[in-house]
């Protein structure tokens, strides 16, 4: 539970870098500039890296890894589409846009390779890493999904008092529940 909360908070921070691109859309006006593109690329890359970590590990149930892979891949399609559309509305050359897309597309596989190459046995992976990493990624997915559901109430994924209060209350309740359990 606590690691789902950590994933939620990490994604909340990443959203500030990526401007909501990981939700499959962006609320910014073009043309996009270098610092903004860099910020979005950093946020998307960290998000993609976290999504890719579990893919290189061991999954106890047959088909679970494949299902997780499909989920990550389907999650990345609208992100890549919006990212490339945004880049096309910048001053970047087509070559640079293609290179950035290739870099973005390779982040999750690199993370999976790092996990796979870690040398952890199946038992070590299961005990020390799997549940934590998957919980963090689930927390990240949870944040993205709740933002999509509730985004119609606020513009541009901005922080307002209600959103801050709801997040703070949720964190407190989760921590109290964790402490009591």
C-alpha atoms as a PDB file:
ATOM      1  CA  UNK A   1       0.000   0.000   0.000  1.00  0.00           C
ATOM      2  CA  UNK A   2       2.705   2.485   0.925  1.00  0.00           C
ATOM      3  CA  UNK A   3       4.525   1.867  -2.369  1.00  0.00           C
ATOM      4  CA  UNK A   4       1.332   2.493  -4.357  1.00  0.00           C
ATOM      5  CA  UNK A   5       1.136   5.814  -2.531  1.00  0.00           C
ATOM      6  CA  UNK A   6       4.796   6.504  -3.361  1.00  0.00           C
ATOM      7  CA  UNK A   7       4.084   5.760  -7.042  1.00  0.00           C
ATOM      8  CA  UNK A   8       1.105   8.114  -6.950  1.00  0.00           C
ATOM      9  CA  UNK A   9       3.249  10.905  -5.476  1.00  0.00           C
ATOM     10  CA  UNK A  10       6.108  10.253  -7.926  1.00  0.00           C
ATOM     11  CA  UNK A  11       3.668  10.534 -10.820  1.00  0.00           C
ATOM     12  CA  UNK A  12       2.241  13.717  -9.326  1.00  0.00           C
ATOM     13  CA  UNK A  13       5.758  15.200  -9.425  1.00  0.00           C
ATOM     14  CA  UNK A  14       6.447  13.849 -12.925  1.00  0.00           C
ATOM     15  CA  UNK A  15       3.237  15.442 -14.170  1.00  0.00           C
ATOM     16  CA  UNK A  16       4.718  18.814 -13.295  1.00  0.00           C
ATOM     17  CA  UNK A  17       7.649  18.054 -15.628  1.00  0.00           C
ATOM     18  CA  UNK A  18       5.705  16.416 -18.453  1.00  0.00           C
ATOM     19  CA  UNK A  19       2.715  18.793 -18.461  1.00  0.00           C
ATOM     20  CA  UNK A  20       0.213  15.923 -18.707  1.00  0.00           C
ATOM     21  CA  UNK A  21       1.596  14.387 -21.915  1.00  0.00           C
ATOM     22  CA  UNK A  22       1.575  10.938 -20.251  1.00  0.00           C
ATOM     23  CA  UNK A  23      -2.220  11.229 -20.120  1.00  0.00           C
ATOM     24  CA  UNK A  24      -2.343  11.290 -23.908  1.00  0.00           C
ATOM     25  CA  UNK A  25      -2.795  15.042 -24.356  1.00  0.00           C
ATOM     26  CA  UNK A  26      -1.218  18.413 -23.626  1.00  0.00           C
ATOM     27  CA  UNK A  27      -2.782  21.733 -22.617  1.00  0.00           C
ATOM     28  CA  UNK A  28      -0.023  24.026 -23.844  1.00  0.00           C
ATOM     29  CA  UNK A  29       0.132  26.431 -26.755  1.00  0.00           C
ATOM     30  CA  UNK A  30       2.587  25.830 -29.576  1.00  0.00           C
ATOM     31  CA  UNK A  31       5.276  26.448 -30.701  1.00  0.00           C
ATOM     32  CA  UNK A  32       7.050  24.467 -28.032  1.00  0.00           C
ATOM     33  CA  UNK A  33      10.477  25.623 -26.907  1.00  0.00           C
ATOM     34  CA  UNK A  34      13.669  23.783 -25.937  1.00  0.00           C
ATOM     35  CA  UNK A  35      13.368  24.051 -22.124  1.00  0.00           C
ATOM     36  CA  UNK A  36       9.747  22.874 -22.194  1.00  0.00           C
ATOM     37  CA  UNK A  37      10.596  19.968 -24.502  1.00  0.00           C
ATOM     38  CA  UNK A  38      13.509  19.023 -22.230  1.00  0.00           C
ATOM     39  CA  UNK A  39      11.267  19.109 -19.151  1.00  0.00           C
ATOM     40  CA  UNK A  40       8.620  16.979 -20.839  1.00  0.00           C
ATOM     41  CA  UNK A  41      11.243  14.519 -22.132  1.00  0.00           C
ATOM     42  CA  UNK A  42      12.719  14.134 -18.629  1.00  0.00           C
ATOM     43  CA  UNK A  43       9.290  13.531 -17.072  1.00  0.00           C
ATOM     44  CA  UNK A  44       8.252  11.044 -19.756  1.00  0.00           C
ATOM     45  CA  UNK A  45      11.600   9.245 -19.575  1.00  0.00           C
ATOM     46  CA  UNK A  46      11.432   8.753 -15.804  1.00  0.00           C
ATOM     47  CA  UNK A  47       7.841   7.537 -16.156  1.00  0.00           C
ATOM     48  CA  UNK A  48       8.802   5.138 -18.976  1.00  0.00           C
ATOM     49  CA  UNK A  49      11.793   3.872 -16.989  1.00  0.00           C
ATOM     50  CA  UNK A  50       9.605   3.057 -13.978  1.00  0.00           C
ATOM     51  CA  UNK A  51       7.057   1.360 -16.255  1.00  0.00           C
ATOM     52  CA  UNK A  52       9.798  -0.784 -17.802  1.00  0.00           C
ATOM     53  CA  UNK A  53      11.452  -2.010 -14.592  1.00  0.00           C
ATOM     54  CA  UNK A  54       8.921  -4.779 -13.838  1.00  0.00           C
ATOM     55  CA  UNK A  55       9.044  -6.081 -17.406  1.00  0.00           C
ATOM     56  CA  UNK A  56      12.535  -7.512 -16.908  1.00  0.00           C
ATOM     57  CA  UNK A  57      11.669  -9.386 -13.742  1.00  0.00           C
ATOM     58  CA  UNK A  58      10.089 -12.729 -13.007  1.00  0.00           C
ATOM     59  CA  UNK A  59       6.306 -13.066 -12.870  1.00  0.00           C
ATOM     60  CA  UNK A  60       4.855 -16.007 -10.924  1.00  0.00           C
ATOM     61  CA  UNK A  61       1.681 -16.364 -12.990  1.00  0.00           C
ATOM     62  CA  UNK A  62       1.810 -17.409 -16.624  1.00  0.00           C
ATOM     63  CA  UNK A  63       0.694 -14.545 -18.814  1.00  0.00           C
ATOM     64  CA  UNK A  64       1.072 -11.846 -16.151  1.00  0.00           C
ATOM     65  CA  UNK A  65       4.231 -10.437 -17.697  1.00  0.00           C
ATOM     66  CA  UNK A  66       2.656 -10.435 -21.143  1.00  0.00           C
ATOM     67  CA  UNK A  67      -0.429  -8.673 -19.779  1.00  0.00           C
ATOM     68  CA  UNK A  68       1.737  -6.077 -18.067  1.00  0.00           C
ATOM     69  CA  UNK A  69       3.711  -5.594 -21.309  1.00  0.00           C
ATOM     70  CA  UNK A  70       0.496  -5.043 -23.279  1.00  0.00           C
ATOM     71  CA  UNK A  71      -0.704  -2.560 -20.662  1.00  0.00           C
ATOM     72  CA  UNK A  72       2.522  -0.560 -20.804  1.00  0.00           C
ATOM     73  CA  UNK A  73       2.605  -0.664 -24.619  1.00  0.00           C
ATOM     74  CA  UNK A  74      -1.014   0.476 -24.939  1.00  0.00           C
ATOM     75  CA  UNK A  75      -0.335   3.188 -22.375  1.00  0.00           C
ATOM     76  CA  UNK A  76       2.612   4.490 -24.424  1.00  0.00           C
ATOM     77  CA  UNK A  77       0.806   4.734 -27.793  1.00  0.00           C
ATOM     78  CA  UNK A  78      -1.223   7.895 -27.030  1.00  0.00           C
ATOM     79  CA  UNK A  79       1.744   9.354 -25.142  1.00  0.00           C
ATOM     80  CA  UNK A  80       4.038   8.872 -28.147  1.00  0.00           C
ATOM     81  CA  UNK A  81       1.383  10.267 -30.486  1.00  0.00           C
ATOM     82  CA  UNK A  82       0.927  13.433 -28.407  1.00  0.00           C
ATOM     83  CA  UNK A  83       4.674  13.777 -27.846  1.00  0.00           C
ATOM     84  CA  UNK A  84       5.443  13.588 -31.585  1.00  0.00           C
ATOM     85  CA  UNK A  85       2.565  15.947 -32.398  1.00  0.00           C
ATOM     86  CA  UNK A  86       3.922  18.387 -29.836  1.00  0.00           C
ATOM     87  CA  UNK A  87       7.458  18.045 -31.233  1.00  0.00           C
ATOM     88  CA  UNK A  88       6.133  18.610 -34.764  1.00  0.00           C
ATOM     89  CA  UNK A  89       4.765  21.948 -33.525  1.00  0.00           C
ATOM     90  CA  UNK A  90       8.191  23.011 -32.320  1.00  0.00           C
ATOM     91  CA  UNK A  91      11.211  24.352 -34.141  1.00  0.00           C
ATOM     92  CA  UNK A  92      12.947  20.956 -34.057  1.00  0.00           C
ATOM     93  CA  UNK A  93      14.015  19.259 -37.267  1.00  0.00           C
ATOM     94  CA  UNK A  94      12.348  16.031 -38.376  1.00  0.00           C
ATOM     95  CA  UNK A  95      15.603  14.200 -37.704  1.00  0.00           C
ATOM     96  CA  UNK A  96      15.678  15.446 -34.093  1.00  0.00           C
ATOM     97  CA  UNK A  97      12.021  14.514 -33.629  1.00  0.00           C
ATOM     98  CA  UNK A  98      12.683  10.967 -34.865  1.00  0.00           C
ATOM     99  CA  UNK A  99      15.733  10.676 -32.596  1.00  0.00           C
ATOM    100  CA  UNK A 100      13.725  11.848 -29.562  1.00  0.00           C
ATOM    101  CA  UNK A 101      10.952   9.365 -30.396  1.00  0.00           C
ATOM    102  CA  UNK A 102      13.498   6.538 -30.690  1.00  0.00           C
ATOM    103  CA  UNK A 103      15.037   7.581 -27.365  1.00  0.00           C
ATOM    104  CA  UNK A 104      11.611   7.681 -25.695  1.00  0.00           C
ATOM    105  CA  UNK A 105      10.629   4.313 -27.202  1.00  0.00           C
ATOM    106  CA  UNK A 106      13.824   2.702 -25.911  1.00  0.00           C
ATOM    107  CA  UNK A 107      13.564   3.839 -22.260  1.00  0.00           C
ATOM    108  CA  UNK A 108      11.169   1.096 -21.033  1.00  0.00           C
ATOM    109  CA  UNK A 109      13.085  -1.715 -22.798  1.00  0.00           C
ATOM    110  CA  UNK A 110      16.345  -0.388 -21.314  1.00  0.00           C
ATOM    111  CA  UNK A 111      14.779  -0.458 -17.840  1.00  0.00           C
ATOM    112  CA  UNK A 112      13.542  -4.018 -18.453  1.00  0.00           C
ATOM    113  CA  UNK A 113      17.026  -5.028 -19.596  1.00  0.00           C
ATOM    114  CA  UNK A 114      18.586  -3.506 -16.465  1.00  0.00           C
ATOM    115  CA  UNK A 115      16.180  -5.451 -14.255  1.00  0.00           C
ATOM    116  CA  UNK A 116      16.737  -8.652 -16.233  1.00  0.00           C
ATOM    117  CA  UNK A 117      20.528  -8.200 -16.061  1.00  0.00           C
ATOM    118  CA  UNK A 118      20.528  -7.470 -12.330  1.00  0.00           C
ATOM    119  CA  UNK A 119      21.493 -11.050 -11.554  1.00  0.00           C
ATOM    120  CA  UNK A 120      18.644 -11.507  -9.100  1.00  0.00           C
ATOM    121  CA  UNK A 121      17.282 -15.025  -8.947  1.00  0.00           C
ATOM    122  CA  UNK A 122      13.548 -15.524  -9.275  1.00  0.00           C
ATOM    123  CA  UNK A 123      13.261 -15.836  -5.482  1.00  0.00           C
ATOM    124  CA  UNK A 124      15.388 -12.741  -4.826  1.00  0.00           C
ATOM    125  CA  UNK A 125      13.381 -10.766  -7.373  1.00  0.00           C
ATOM    126  CA  UNK A 126      10.097 -11.843  -5.808  1.00  0.00           C
ATOM    127  CA  UNK A 127      11.200 -11.086  -2.245  1.00  0.00           C
ATOM    128  CA  UNK A 128      13.120  -7.874  -2.681  1.00  0.00           C
ATOM    129  CA  UNK A 129      11.968  -6.095  -5.778  1.00  0.00           C
ATOM    130  CA  UNK A 130       8.874  -7.270  -7.615  1.00  0.00           C
ATOM    131  CA  UNK A 131       6.138  -6.158  -5.251  1.00  0.00           C
ATOM    132  CA  UNK A 132       7.781  -2.805  -4.591  1.00  0.00           C
ATOM    133  CA  UNK A 133       8.370  -1.935  -8.243  1.00  0.00           C
ATOM    134  CA  UNK A 134       4.967  -3.124  -9.404  1.00  0.00           C
ATOM    135  CA  UNK A 135       3.250  -1.253  -6.552  1.00  0.00           C
ATOM    136  CA  UNK A 136       5.059   1.966  -7.500  1.00  0.00           C
ATOM    137  CA  UNK A 137       4.064   1.530 -11.152  1.00  0.00           C
ATOM    138  CA  UNK A 138       0.466   0.762 -10.122  1.00  0.00           C
ATOM    139  CA  UNK A 139       0.461   3.951  -8.040  1.00  0.00           C
ATOM    140  CA  UNK A 140       1.653   5.851 -11.093  1.00  0.00           C
ATOM    141  CA  UNK A 141      -1.076   4.264 -13.255  1.00  0.00           C
ATOM    142  CA  UNK A 142      -3.594   5.060 -10.518  1.00  0.00           C
ATOM    143  CA  UNK A 143      -2.637   8.734 -10.590  1.00  0.00           C
ATOM    144  CA  UNK A 144      -2.863   8.902 -14.381  1.00  0.00           C
ATOM    145  CA  UNK A 145      -6.255   7.158 -14.423  1.00  0.00           C
ATOM    146  CA  UNK A 146      -7.742   9.322 -11.675  1.00  0.00           C
ATOM    147  CA  UNK A 147      -6.459  12.456 -13.380  1.00  0.00           C
ATOM    148  CA  UNK A 148      -8.142  11.426 -16.622  1.00  0.00           C
ATOM    149  CA  UNK A 149     -11.406  10.707 -14.813  1.00  0.00           C
ATOM    150  CA  UNK A 150     -11.450  13.928 -12.812  1.00  0.00           C
ATOM    151  CA  UNK A 151      -9.691  16.309 -15.193  1.00  0.00           C
ATOM    152  CA  UNK A 152     -12.918  17.794 -16.483  1.00  0.00           C
ATOM    153  CA  UNK A 153     -13.304  19.651 -13.187  1.00  0.00           C
ATOM    154  CA  UNK A 154     -10.043  21.612 -13.522  1.00  0.00           C
ATOM    155  CA  UNK A 155      -8.147  23.115 -16.403  1.00  0.00           C
ATOM    156  CA  UNK A 156      -4.605  22.181 -17.330  1.00  0.00           C
ATOM    157  CA  UNK A 157      -4.087  19.746 -14.440  1.00  0.00           C
ATOM    158  CA  UNK A 158      -3.372  22.738 -12.242  1.00  0.00           C
ATOM    159  CA  UNK A 159      -3.221  22.556  -8.498  1.00  0.00           C
ATOM    160  CA  UNK A 160      -6.088  24.159  -6.686  1.00  0.00           C
ATOM    161  CA  UNK A 161      -7.075  24.032  -3.044  1.00  0.00           C
ATOM    162  CA  UNK A 162      -9.571  21.210  -3.529  1.00  0.00           C
ATOM    163  CA  UNK A 163      -7.078  19.020  -5.383  1.00  0.00           C
ATOM    164  CA  UNK A 164      -4.330  19.674  -2.838  1.00  0.00           C
ATOM    165  CA  UNK A 165      -6.728  18.963   0.039  1.00  0.00           C
ATOM    166  CA  UNK A 166      -7.985  15.749  -1.596  1.00  0.00           C
ATOM    167  CA  UNK A 167      -4.428  14.511  -2.184  1.00  0.00           C
ATOM    168  CA  UNK A 168      -3.328  15.465   1.327  1.00  0.00           C
ATOM    169  CA  UNK A 169      -6.403  13.789   2.883  1.00  0.00           C
ATOM    170  CA  UNK A 170      -5.812  10.662   0.795  1.00  0.00           C
ATOM    171  CA  UNK A 171      -2.165  10.496   1.857  1.00  0.00           C
ATOM    172  CA  UNK A 172      -3.083  10.921   5.536  1.00  0.00           C
ATOM    173  CA  UNK A 173      -5.821   8.267   5.353  1.00  0.00           C
ATOM    174  CA  UNK A 174      -3.485   5.869   3.525  1.00  0.00           C
ATOM    175  CA  UNK A 175      -0.715   6.400   6.075  1.00  0.00           C
ATOM    176  CA  UNK A 176      -3.114   5.963   9.004  1.00  0.00           C
ATOM    177  CA  UNK A 177      -4.513   2.800   7.444  1.00  0.00           C
ATOM    178  CA  UNK A 178      -0.986   1.532   6.870  1.00  0.00           C
ATOM    179  CA  UNK A 179       0.019   2.339  10.450  1.00  0.00           C
ATOM    180  CA  UNK A 180      -3.088   0.671  11.928  1.00  0.00           C
ATOM    181  CA  UNK A 181      -2.822  -2.426   9.754  1.00  0.00           C
END
